[in-house]
């Protein structure tokens, strides 16, 4: 068959990717600092202003989840996956309440991770270690999801050009990750920040361009797309469970708990915390957070584009070349090349491609920070600041390639399932991190027991639900993260109450004894 991506698109893609590489390496010279210090390498010296933090955190959170997983869910399932829109709007409220407070603690005490805060707040290296391990584990499938987004772009670009798409795609991904690891090692968060600005600019341009071009290229555009999606859904066996236009009643609980649980979990991820702590001041962080809902507009459009592709006959003809299980992740790259003119389509494909690379870099850096600060340093307290940074740089590269190897070995479906599991387990750090910002009265042992039970229960229910993020309670599917977190919080609050009562009784006995 003929290639579906033009020579012009390839040229634009390669030229812009070279510029992306330049920005990544140039980061080491931008706003110079001692990159042998962990806070300089991992947090850009905590000197990013309002708009740079906005771009960085936006790139940090506006990942392959946004332009691959959400449209894919809309394409395959319908209205249920539109939960991502209110979730994004709500999660920035959570960020506005929590992140400036955490930033102030971090600036005063020199914290680099949320686990640093937990260790100091509750005087427990073990609890901080649990938080760190949870963060490291939760990031792996999130990085894997970014790689699946990269694979989707390469699959469309290589279609009709090579016979062994997977082999060439894996080779291209390996080269891209070598480049990514090299400039991350060299430039740290400075390189990620500069490339984030480029990535976000391209993504916003592409979203707007598709919005303008779709009504011109697709007869009837959205109206046609929704009719076709509903028609196809009605012919499925069984029909789409959640509905195309409206949620069916049993799935309202699923929609609501996915929205709330995801909103609470997002800013517990280490990469989200890493971006917030890089701000120059709590005020600038607060302003940049207030501007982040702008990204929600783009997310809403991308989610709807997961349905729009049904109205694009050219896109559907390309997608039919692939198994049904693979079509969802290819929806947005395919829509881009069939709707946008040559050149602009190549730029859009690059936006999606580097939209996976930039977050993957920040995620691996945040994993490395947790490993060094909250696992290695407590075991080897004599490690020097320079030694911390050196270990973090190498660990960041290793984590990237571990995730890459995982995707090469494990089918994409399992990687997406595990990303959902990542959200379930990271939510179990909420009592120690978010509640810890409010009070130091929580009992550290109750926090550890709550974390362990929540973690174990979340994994068990995920397996019991056959790798689904939803578990039925009284006939209604509920997001497992919410179930496990509710049990976790109950244990923490009851346990802390008992511990306070016991301490009060002991104090009273000591007073009476002294009398």
Protein backbone atom coordinates (compact mmCIF):
# COMPACT_ATOMS: atom_id res chain seq x y z
CA UNK A 1 0.00 0.00 0.00
CA UNK A 2 1.03 3.64 -0.42
CA UNK A 3 2.53 5.53 2.54
CA UNK A 4 -0.10 7.47 4.48
CA UNK A 5 2.39 10.11 5.66
CA UNK A 6 3.81 12.41 2.99
CA UNK A 7 7.45 13.29 2.36
CA UNK A 8 6.70 16.86 3.49
CA UNK A 9 5.36 15.58 6.80
CA UNK A 10 8.46 13.45 7.30
CA UNK A 11 10.69 16.44 6.57
CA UNK A 12 8.85 18.71 9.01
CA UNK A 13 8.85 15.98 11.66
CA UNK A 14 12.60 15.34 11.40
CA UNK A 15 13.56 19.04 11.22
CA UNK A 16 11.45 19.93 14.25
CA UNK A 17 12.75 16.90 16.16
CA UNK A 18 16.32 18.08 15.58
CA UNK A 19 15.35 21.45 17.06
CA UNK A 20 13.80 19.58 20.01
CA UNK A 21 17.14 17.81 20.59
CA UNK A 22 19.01 21.13 20.41
CA UNK A 23 16.74 22.65 23.07
CA UNK A 24 17.24 19.62 25.29
CA UNK A 25 21.02 19.91 25.30
CA UNK A 26 20.99 23.71 25.37
CA UNK A 27 19.20 23.49 28.71
CA UNK A 28 22.55 22.88 30.45
CA UNK A 29 23.65 26.40 29.41
CA UNK A 30 20.33 28.11 30.10
CA UNK A 31 20.12 29.86 33.48
CA UNK A 32 23.39 28.31 34.52
CA UNK A 33 23.69 26.62 37.88
CA UNK A 34 25.78 23.94 39.54
CA UNK A 35 24.23 20.83 38.01
CA UNK A 36 26.18 18.69 40.46
CA UNK A 37 23.65 19.78 43.09
CA UNK A 38 20.44 17.76 43.11
CA UNK A 39 18.11 20.75 43.50
CA UNK A 40 19.80 22.44 40.50
CA UNK A 41 19.65 19.37 38.28
CA UNK A 42 16.23 18.03 39.35
CA UNK A 43 14.38 21.27 40.18
CA UNK A 44 16.14 23.78 37.87
CA UNK A 45 17.44 25.57 40.96
CA UNK A 46 13.83 26.34 42.01
CA UNK A 47 13.97 29.41 39.74
CA UNK A 48 11.17 28.89 37.21
CA UNK A 49 8.72 31.77 36.83
CA UNK A 50 4.96 31.73 36.36
CA UNK A 51 4.76 30.87 32.67
CA UNK A 52 7.68 28.45 32.66
CA UNK A 53 6.08 26.51 35.51
CA UNK A 54 2.80 26.64 33.59
CA UNK A 55 4.45 25.14 30.51
CA UNK A 56 6.46 22.62 32.54
CA UNK A 57 3.60 21.36 34.71
CA UNK A 58 1.31 21.38 31.70
CA UNK A 59 3.79 19.25 29.77
CA UNK A 60 4.25 17.17 32.91
CA UNK A 61 0.55 16.35 33.12
CA UNK A 62 -0.57 16.81 29.50
CA UNK A 63 0.87 13.47 28.42
CA UNK A 64 0.06 10.48 26.24
CA UNK A 65 -2.77 9.92 28.71
CA UNK A 66 -4.36 13.05 27.24
CA UNK A 67 -3.93 12.52 23.52
CA UNK A 68 -3.76 8.69 23.39
CA UNK A 69 -5.51 7.08 26.39
CA UNK A 70 -8.50 9.46 26.75
CA UNK A 71 -9.39 9.65 23.01
CA UNK A 72 -8.82 5.89 22.80
CA UNK A 73 -11.26 5.36 25.67
CA UNK A 74 -13.82 7.66 24.02
CA UNK A 75 -13.35 5.83 20.71
CA UNK A 76 -13.83 2.39 22.29
CA UNK A 77 -16.21 3.06 25.20
CA UNK A 78 -18.01 6.35 24.67
CA UNK A 79 -19.20 8.84 27.28
CA UNK A 80 -17.60 7.17 30.32
CA UNK A 81 -14.13 8.42 29.42
CA UNK A 82 -15.30 12.01 29.32
CA UNK A 83 -14.77 11.87 33.10
CA UNK A 84 -11.27 13.14 32.28
CA UNK A 85 -12.63 16.63 31.61
CA UNK A 86 -14.14 17.39 35.06
CA UNK A 87 -11.25 15.45 36.60
CA UNK A 88 -8.70 17.82 35.11
CA UNK A 89 -10.72 20.85 36.19
CA UNK A 90 -10.97 19.51 39.74
CA UNK A 91 -7.39 18.34 40.11
CA UNK A 92 -6.11 21.89 39.64
CA UNK A 93 -8.24 22.95 42.62
CA UNK A 94 -6.49 20.22 44.62
CA UNK A 95 -3.16 21.56 43.36
CA UNK A 96 -4.01 25.16 44.25
CA UNK A 97 -4.76 24.11 47.83
CA UNK A 98 -1.83 21.75 48.40
CA UNK A 99 1.14 22.60 46.19
CA UNK A 100 1.93 26.16 47.41
CA UNK A 101 1.93 24.82 51.00
CA UNK A 102 4.25 21.96 50.06
CA UNK A 103 6.44 24.42 48.14
CA UNK A 104 6.88 26.59 51.27
CA UNK A 105 7.85 23.60 53.38
CA UNK A 106 10.27 22.46 50.70
CA UNK A 107 11.95 25.84 50.32
CA UNK A 108 12.39 26.21 54.10
CA UNK A 109 13.69 22.68 54.71
CA UNK A 110 15.39 21.86 51.40
CA UNK A 111 13.00 19.08 50.37
CA UNK A 112 13.28 17.67 46.86
CA UNK A 113 10.47 15.10 47.09
CA UNK A 114 7.13 14.75 48.87
CA UNK A 115 8.66 11.81 50.76
CA UNK A 116 11.24 14.24 52.21
CA UNK A 117 8.33 16.16 53.69
CA UNK A 118 6.69 12.99 55.05
CA UNK A 119 9.93 11.87 56.70
CA UNK A 120 10.38 15.20 58.46
CA UNK A 121 6.72 15.73 59.32
CA UNK A 122 6.20 12.33 60.97
CA UNK A 123 9.81 11.61 61.97
CA UNK A 124 9.76 8.30 60.11
CA UNK A 125 12.24 7.18 57.46
CA UNK A 126 10.25 3.98 57.04
CA UNK A 127 7.00 5.80 56.20
CA UNK A 128 8.90 8.04 53.79
CA UNK A 129 10.39 4.92 52.22
CA UNK A 130 6.92 3.48 51.66
CA UNK A 131 5.81 6.72 50.00
CA UNK A 132 8.96 6.72 47.84
CA UNK A 133 8.57 3.07 46.77
CA UNK A 134 4.91 3.70 45.88
CA UNK A 135 5.89 6.68 43.74
CA UNK A 136 8.63 4.78 41.92
CA UNK A 137 6.33 1.84 41.16
CA UNK A 138 3.43 4.04 40.06
CA UNK A 139 5.60 5.96 37.58
CA UNK A 140 6.75 2.90 35.61
CA UNK A 141 3.42 2.17 33.90
CA UNK A 142 2.90 5.92 33.43
CA UNK A 143 6.19 6.10 31.49
CA UNK A 144 5.12 2.95 29.62
CA UNK A 145 1.93 4.74 28.57
CA UNK A 146 4.04 7.56 27.10
CA UNK A 147 5.96 4.99 25.08
CA UNK A 148 2.71 3.50 23.75
CA UNK A 149 1.85 6.98 22.51
CA UNK A 150 5.21 7.18 20.73
CA UNK A 151 4.59 3.76 19.18
CA UNK A 152 1.20 4.93 17.89
CA UNK A 153 2.81 7.85 16.06
CA UNK A 154 5.56 5.69 14.56
CA UNK A 155 3.06 3.01 13.50
CA UNK A 156 1.09 5.53 11.42
CA UNK A 157 4.22 7.18 10.04
CA UNK A 158 5.77 3.87 8.96
CA UNK A 159 2.56 2.43 7.50
CA UNK A 160 3.11 1.57 3.84
CA UNK A 161 6.86 2.30 4.05
CA UNK A 162 8.31 -0.76 5.81
CA UNK A 163 7.08 -4.32 6.22
CA UNK A 164 8.25 -4.84 9.78
CA UNK A 165 6.73 -1.79 11.46
CA UNK A 166 7.36 -3.11 14.99
CA UNK A 167 11.08 -3.75 14.38
CA UNK A 168 11.72 -0.31 12.88
CA UNK A 169 9.51 1.35 15.49
CA UNK A 170 11.38 -0.33 18.35
CA UNK A 171 14.70 0.77 16.85
CA UNK A 172 13.49 4.36 16.44
CA UNK A 173 12.18 4.39 20.02
CA UNK A 174 15.49 3.11 21.34
CA UNK A 175 17.39 5.86 19.52
CA UNK A 176 14.90 8.50 20.79
CA UNK A 177 15.32 7.28 24.37
CA UNK A 178 19.11 7.30 24.10
CA UNK A 179 18.89 10.96 23.02
CA UNK A 180 16.37 11.68 25.79
CA UNK A 181 18.55 10.03 28.43
CA UNK A 182 21.61 11.94 27.20
CA UNK A 183 20.11 15.41 27.37
CA UNK A 184 18.29 14.66 30.65
CA UNK A 185 21.60 13.53 32.17
CA UNK A 186 23.28 16.68 30.86
CA UNK A 187 20.60 19.33 31.39
CA UNK A 188 18.20 17.94 33.99
CA UNK A 189 14.93 19.81 34.45
CA UNK A 190 16.23 22.82 32.51
CA UNK A 191 16.27 20.78 29.31
CA UNK A 192 12.83 19.35 30.08
CA UNK A 193 11.47 22.87 30.61
CA UNK A 194 12.68 24.23 27.28
CA UNK A 195 11.40 21.20 25.38
CA UNK A 196 8.10 21.47 27.28
CA UNK A 197 7.54 24.95 25.85
CA UNK A 198 8.07 23.62 22.31
CA UNK A 199 5.86 20.60 22.93
CA UNK A 200 2.97 22.59 24.37
CA UNK A 201 3.09 25.18 21.58
CA UNK A 202 2.90 22.45 18.92
CA UNK A 203 0.10 20.58 20.71
CA UNK A 204 -2.08 23.68 21.09
CA UNK A 205 -1.47 24.61 17.44
CA UNK A 206 -2.47 21.09 16.36
CA UNK A 207 -5.64 21.01 18.47
CA UNK A 208 -6.81 24.33 17.06
CA UNK A 209 -5.87 23.33 13.51
CA UNK A 210 -7.92 20.11 13.73
CA UNK A 211 -10.87 22.07 15.12
CA UNK A 212 -10.71 24.43 12.13
CA UNK A 213 -9.97 21.80 9.49
CA UNK A 214 -12.41 19.06 10.56
CA UNK A 215 -15.64 20.83 9.45
CA UNK A 216 -14.00 21.57 6.10
CA UNK A 217 -12.69 18.05 5.44
CA UNK A 218 -15.37 15.92 7.16
CA UNK A 219 -18.94 16.40 5.89
CA UNK A 220 -21.12 17.08 8.90
CA UNK A 221 -18.06 16.86 11.19
CA UNK A 222 -19.18 16.21 14.77
CA UNK A 223 -22.85 15.50 13.98
CA UNK A 224 -21.85 12.84 11.45
CA UNK A 225 -19.23 11.41 13.81
CA UNK A 226 -21.65 10.94 16.71
CA UNK A 227 -24.27 9.31 14.44
CA UNK A 228 -21.68 6.89 13.03
CA UNK A 229 -20.31 6.10 16.50
CA UNK A 230 -23.82 5.41 17.83
CA UNK A 231 -24.60 3.23 14.81
CA UNK A 232 -21.42 1.19 15.24
CA UNK A 233 -21.99 0.97 19.00
CA UNK A 234 -25.50 -0.41 18.53
CA UNK A 235 -24.12 -3.16 16.32
CA UNK A 236 -21.47 -4.27 18.80
CA UNK A 237 -21.94 -7.45 20.78
CA UNK A 238 -22.56 -6.35 23.46
CA UNK A 239 -23.31 -2.67 22.72
CA UNK A 240 -21.07 -0.07 24.34
CA UNK A 241 -21.77 -0.43 28.05
CA UNK A 242 -21.54 3.23 28.95
CA UNK A 243 -23.24 4.69 25.89
CA UNK A 244 -22.00 7.08 23.20
CA UNK A 245 -24.19 10.14 23.82
CA UNK A 246 -25.15 9.73 27.47
CA UNK A 247 -24.05 7.56 30.37
CA UNK A 248 -26.28 4.64 31.21
CA UNK A 249 -27.48 4.80 34.82
CA UNK A 250 -25.17 2.13 36.35
CA UNK A 251 -22.12 3.96 35.00
CA UNK A 252 -22.87 7.29 36.66
CA UNK A 253 -21.17 5.94 39.82
CA UNK A 254 -18.18 4.84 37.75
CA UNK A 255 -17.96 8.24 36.07
CA UNK A 256 -18.18 10.13 39.37
CA UNK A 257 -15.63 8.01 41.26
CA UNK A 258 -13.20 7.98 38.33
CA UNK A 259 -13.46 11.78 38.28
CA UNK A 260 -12.97 12.26 42.04
CA UNK A 261 -10.37 9.52 42.54
CA UNK A 262 -8.25 10.67 39.60
CA UNK A 263 -8.44 14.31 40.74
CA UNK A 264 -7.16 13.38 44.21
CA UNK A 265 -4.40 11.14 42.83
CA UNK A 266 -2.77 13.24 40.12
CA UNK A 267 -0.79 15.63 42.30
CA UNK A 268 0.46 12.75 44.42
CA UNK A 269 2.47 11.49 41.45
CA UNK A 270 6.17 12.35 41.90
CA UNK A 271 6.42 14.06 38.51
CA UNK A 272 3.59 16.47 39.41
CA UNK A 273 5.28 17.33 42.72
CA UNK A 274 8.63 17.72 40.93
CA UNK A 275 7.17 20.31 38.56
CA UNK A 276 5.50 22.26 41.37
CA UNK A 277 8.66 22.42 43.52
CA UNK A 278 10.66 23.96 40.67
CA UNK A 279 8.73 27.26 40.95
CA UNK A 280 10.54 30.44 41.97
CA UNK A 281 7.94 31.37 44.60
CA UNK A 282 4.69 30.09 46.07
CA UNK A 283 2.88 33.08 44.55
CA UNK A 284 4.13 32.30 41.03
CA UNK A 285 3.25 28.65 41.57
CA UNK A 286 -0.28 29.64 42.63
CA UNK A 287 -0.73 31.84 39.54
CA UNK A 288 0.58 29.18 37.16
CA UNK A 289 -1.74 26.61 38.79
CA UNK A 290 -4.68 28.98 38.34
CA UNK A 291 -3.86 29.13 34.61
CA UNK A 292 -3.61 25.35 34.17
CA UNK A 293 -7.37 24.85 33.47
CA UNK A 294 -6.59 26.25 30.02
CA UNK A 295 -5.11 22.81 29.36
CA UNK A 296 -8.50 21.36 30.25
CA UNK A 297 -9.98 22.99 27.15
CA UNK A 298 -7.49 21.11 25.00
CA UNK A 299 -8.25 17.87 26.84
CA UNK A 300 -11.99 18.29 26.25
CA UNK A 301 -11.41 18.78 22.52
CA UNK A 302 -9.06 15.79 22.29
CA UNK A 303 -11.61 13.63 24.09
CA UNK A 304 -14.28 14.61 21.55
CA UNK A 305 -11.78 13.96 18.73
CA UNK A 306 -11.91 10.31 19.86
CA UNK A 307 -15.49 10.35 18.51
CA UNK A 308 -14.78 12.74 15.61
CA UNK A 309 -12.63 10.08 13.94
CA UNK A 310 -15.81 8.02 13.32
CA UNK A 311 -16.99 10.70 10.89
CA UNK A 312 -13.71 10.70 8.96
CA UNK A 313 -14.05 7.95 6.34
CA UNK A 314 -10.37 8.23 5.33
CA UNK A 315 -9.26 7.78 8.94
CA UNK A 316 -11.62 4.85 9.50
CA UNK A 317 -10.30 3.12 6.36
CA UNK A 318 -6.76 3.36 7.77
CA UNK A 319 -7.84 2.17 11.22
CA UNK A 320 -9.57 -0.87 9.71
CA UNK A 321 -6.13 -2.10 8.66
CA UNK A 322 -5.44 -2.79 12.34
CA UNK A 323 -7.06 -5.16 14.86
CA UNK A 324 -10.02 -3.58 16.74
CA UNK A 325 -8.07 -3.64 20.01
CA UNK A 326 -5.33 -1.45 18.49
CA UNK A 327 -7.48 1.18 16.78
CA UNK A 328 -8.20 3.41 19.77
CA UNK A 329 -4.57 4.38 20.44
CA UNK A 330 -4.13 5.22 16.74
CA UNK A 331 -7.21 7.47 16.53
CA UNK A 332 -5.61 10.89 17.06
CA UNK A 333 -2.45 10.31 14.93
CA UNK A 334 -4.69 9.02 12.12
CA UNK A 335 -7.10 11.94 12.41
CA UNK A 336 -4.17 14.36 12.24
CA UNK A 337 -2.84 13.02 8.93
CA UNK A 338 -6.26 12.78 7.25
CA UNK A 339 -7.57 16.18 8.32
CA UNK A 340 -4.52 18.47 8.37
CA UNK A 341 -2.57 19.63 5.30
CA UNK A 342 0.95 18.27 4.64
CA UNK A 343 3.54 19.87 6.88
CA UNK A 344 1.06 20.75 9.59
CA UNK A 345 0.18 17.06 9.94
CA UNK A 346 3.88 16.26 10.42
CA UNK A 347 4.11 18.94 13.09
CA UNK A 348 1.07 17.50 14.87
CA UNK A 349 2.62 14.02 14.83
CA UNK A 350 5.80 15.47 16.33
CA UNK A 351 3.73 17.17 19.04
CA UNK A 352 2.24 13.83 20.05
CA UNK A 353 5.68 12.16 19.84
CA UNK A 354 7.56 14.63 22.03
CA UNK A 355 4.42 14.88 24.14
CA UNK A 356 5.42 11.41 25.32
CA UNK A 357 9.17 12.06 25.54
CA UNK A 358 9.06 15.18 27.73
CA UNK A 359 6.83 13.71 30.47
CA UNK A 360 8.84 10.47 30.37
CA UNK A 361 11.99 12.48 31.14
CA UNK A 362 10.39 14.27 34.11
CA UNK A 363 8.84 11.06 35.44
CA UNK A 364 12.17 9.22 35.38
CA UNK A 365 13.87 12.17 37.09
CA UNK A 366 11.27 12.17 39.85
CA UNK A 367 11.78 8.42 40.34
CA UNK A 368 15.51 8.99 40.63
CA UNK A 369 14.98 11.74 43.22
CA UNK A 370 12.90 9.37 45.37
CA UNK A 371 15.46 6.59 45.05
CA UNK A 372 18.36 8.80 46.11
CA UNK A 373 16.73 10.93 48.78
CA UNK A 374 14.39 8.47 50.46
CA UNK A 375 15.86 5.01 49.91
CA UNK A 376 19.61 5.26 49.34
CA UNK A 377 20.39 8.24 51.59
CA UNK A 378 18.68 6.80 54.72
CA UNK A 379 20.71 3.61 54.21
CA UNK A 380 23.98 5.43 53.39
CA UNK A 381 23.75 8.82 55.13
CA UNK A 382 27.36 9.70 54.27
CA UNK A 383 26.62 10.09 50.55
CA UNK A 384 27.73 13.56 49.43
CA UNK A 385 25.47 16.05 47.59
CA UNK A 386 27.53 15.46 44.46
CA UNK A 387 27.15 11.72 44.94
CA UNK A 388 23.38 12.10 45.27
CA UNK A 389 23.20 13.94 41.97
CA UNK A 390 25.47 11.50 40.17
CA UNK A 391 23.38 8.52 41.32
CA UNK A 392 20.15 10.34 40.38
CA UNK A 393 21.41 11.07 36.86
CA UNK A 394 22.29 7.44 36.19
CA UNK A 395 19.13 6.15 37.90
CA UNK A 396 17.01 8.44 35.71
CA UNK A 397 18.52 6.89 32.57
CA UNK A 398 18.10 3.36 33.92
CA UNK A 399 14.45 3.93 34.82
CA UNK A 400 13.72 5.18 31.28
CA UNK A 401 15.15 2.04 29.70
CA UNK A 402 13.46 -0.28 32.19
CA UNK A 403 10.11 1.20 31.15
CA UNK A 404 11.09 0.95 27.47
CA UNK A 405 12.03 -2.71 27.90
CA UNK A 406 8.74 -3.33 29.69
CA UNK A 407 6.76 -2.02 26.71
CA UNK A 408 8.83 -4.08 24.26
CA UNK A 409 8.05 -7.26 26.22
CA UNK A 410 4.50 -6.68 27.49
CA UNK A 411 1.48 -6.09 25.17
CA UNK A 412 0.17 -2.51 25.11
CA UNK A 413 -3.13 -3.55 26.70
CA UNK A 414 -1.35 -4.68 29.85
CA UNK A 415 0.66 -1.46 30.02
CA UNK A 416 -2.56 0.60 29.98
CA UNK A 417 -4.10 -1.66 32.63
CA UNK A 418 -1.05 -1.21 34.83
CA UNK A 419 -1.24 2.58 34.37
CA UNK A 420 -4.73 2.41 35.84
CA UNK A 421 -3.32 0.32 38.69
CA UNK A 422 -0.66 3.01 39.19
CA UNK A 423 -3.40 5.54 39.89
CA UNK A 424 -4.95 3.18 42.43
CA UNK A 425 -1.74 2.69 44.42
CA UNK A 426 -0.46 6.30 44.30
CA UNK A 427 -3.76 7.41 45.84
CA UNK A 428 -2.79 5.50 48.99
CA UNK A 429 -0.11 8.09 49.78
CA UNK A 430 -2.77 10.81 50.19
CA UNK A 431 -3.09 10.60 54.01
CA UNK A 432 0.66 10.97 54.58
CA UNK A 433 1.17 13.75 52.02
CA UNK A 434 -2.01 15.84 51.77
CA UNK A 435 -3.32 15.33 55.30
CA UNK A 436 0.23 15.78 56.54
CA UNK A 437 0.14 19.30 55.14
CA UNK A 438 -2.82 20.01 57.44
CA UNK A 439 -1.70 18.35 60.67
CA UNK A 440 1.16 16.49 62.35
CA UNK A 441 -1.25 14.74 64.76
CA UNK A 442 -1.65 11.64 62.60
CA UNK A 443 0.00 8.53 64.00
CA UNK A 444 2.84 7.32 61.81
CA UNK A 445 2.11 3.65 62.51
CA UNK A 446 -1.54 4.11 61.56
CA UNK A 447 -0.39 5.82 58.36
CA UNK A 448 1.82 2.82 57.55
CA UNK A 449 -0.92 0.29 58.27
CA UNK A 450 -3.46 2.33 56.28
CA UNK A 451 -1.05 2.56 53.36
CA UNK A 452 -0.34 -1.19 53.41
CA UNK A 453 -4.02 -2.17 53.62
CA UNK A 454 -5.02 0.35 50.93
CA UNK A 455 -2.21 -0.79 48.66
CA UNK A 456 -3.01 -4.48 49.13
CA UNK A 457 -6.76 -4.02 48.82
CA UNK A 458 -6.36 -1.93 45.66
CA UNK A 459 -4.20 -4.59 43.98
CA UNK A 460 -6.52 -7.40 45.10
CA UNK A 461 -9.68 -5.70 43.79
CA UNK A 462 -7.91 -4.83 40.53
CA UNK A 463 -7.07 -8.50 39.98
CA UNK A 464 -10.53 -9.63 41.17
CA UNK A 465 -12.13 -7.25 38.65
CA UNK A 466 -10.04 -8.88 35.89
CA UNK A 467 -7.61 -5.98 35.50
CA UNK A 468 -10.35 -3.36 35.46
CA UNK A 469 -10.11 -0.12 37.47
CA UNK A 470 -13.78 -0.58 38.42
CA UNK A 471 -15.15 -2.96 41.05
CA UNK A 472 -18.91 -3.52 41.54
CA UNK A 473 -20.46 -2.56 44.88
CA UNK A 474 -24.22 -3.15 45.21
CA UNK A 475 -24.34 -3.53 41.46
CA UNK A 476 -22.62 -0.21 40.71
CA UNK A 477 -19.04 -0.11 39.32
CA UNK A 478 -16.80 2.03 41.54
CA UNK A 479 -13.24 3.22 40.89
CA UNK A 480 -11.03 0.98 43.03
CA UNK A 481 -8.77 3.87 44.09
CA UNK A 482 -11.72 5.44 45.91
CA UNK A 483 -12.62 2.17 47.66
CA UNK A 484 -9.06 1.46 48.80
CA UNK A 485 -8.47 5.09 49.85
CA UNK A 486 -11.68 5.11 51.93
CA UNK A 487 -10.49 2.04 53.86
CA UNK A 488 -7.01 3.59 54.18
CA UNK A 489 -8.40 6.84 55.60
CA UNK A 490 -10.65 4.98 58.03
CA UNK A 491 -7.67 3.06 59.42
CA UNK A 492 -5.55 6.23 59.66
CA UNK A 493 -8.19 8.32 61.41
CA UNK A 494 -9.34 5.60 63.82
CA UNK A 495 -5.77 4.49 64.54
CA UNK A 496 -4.59 8.06 65.10
CA UNK A 497 -7.56 8.69 67.41
CA UNK A 498 -6.72 5.61 69.48
CA UNK A 499 -3.03 6.57 69.57
CA UNK A 500 -3.88 10.09 70.80
CA UNK A 501 -6.16 8.65 73.49
CA UNK A 502 -3.44 6.23 74.63
CA UNK A 503 -0.85 8.99 74.76
CA UNK A 504 -3.28 11.17 76.71
CA UNK A 505 -3.91 8.37 79.22
CA UNK A 506 -0.19 7.76 79.68
CA UNK A 507 0.42 11.48 80.22
CA UNK A 508 -2.36 11.58 82.79
CA UNK A 509 -0.87 8.60 84.63
CA UNK A 510 2.56 10.26 84.68
CA UNK A 511 1.07 13.46 86.10
CA UNK A 512 -0.76 11.54 88.83
CA UNK A 513 2.39 9.58 89.60
CA UNK A 514 4.37 12.79 89.92
CA UNK A 515 1.78 14.13 92.35
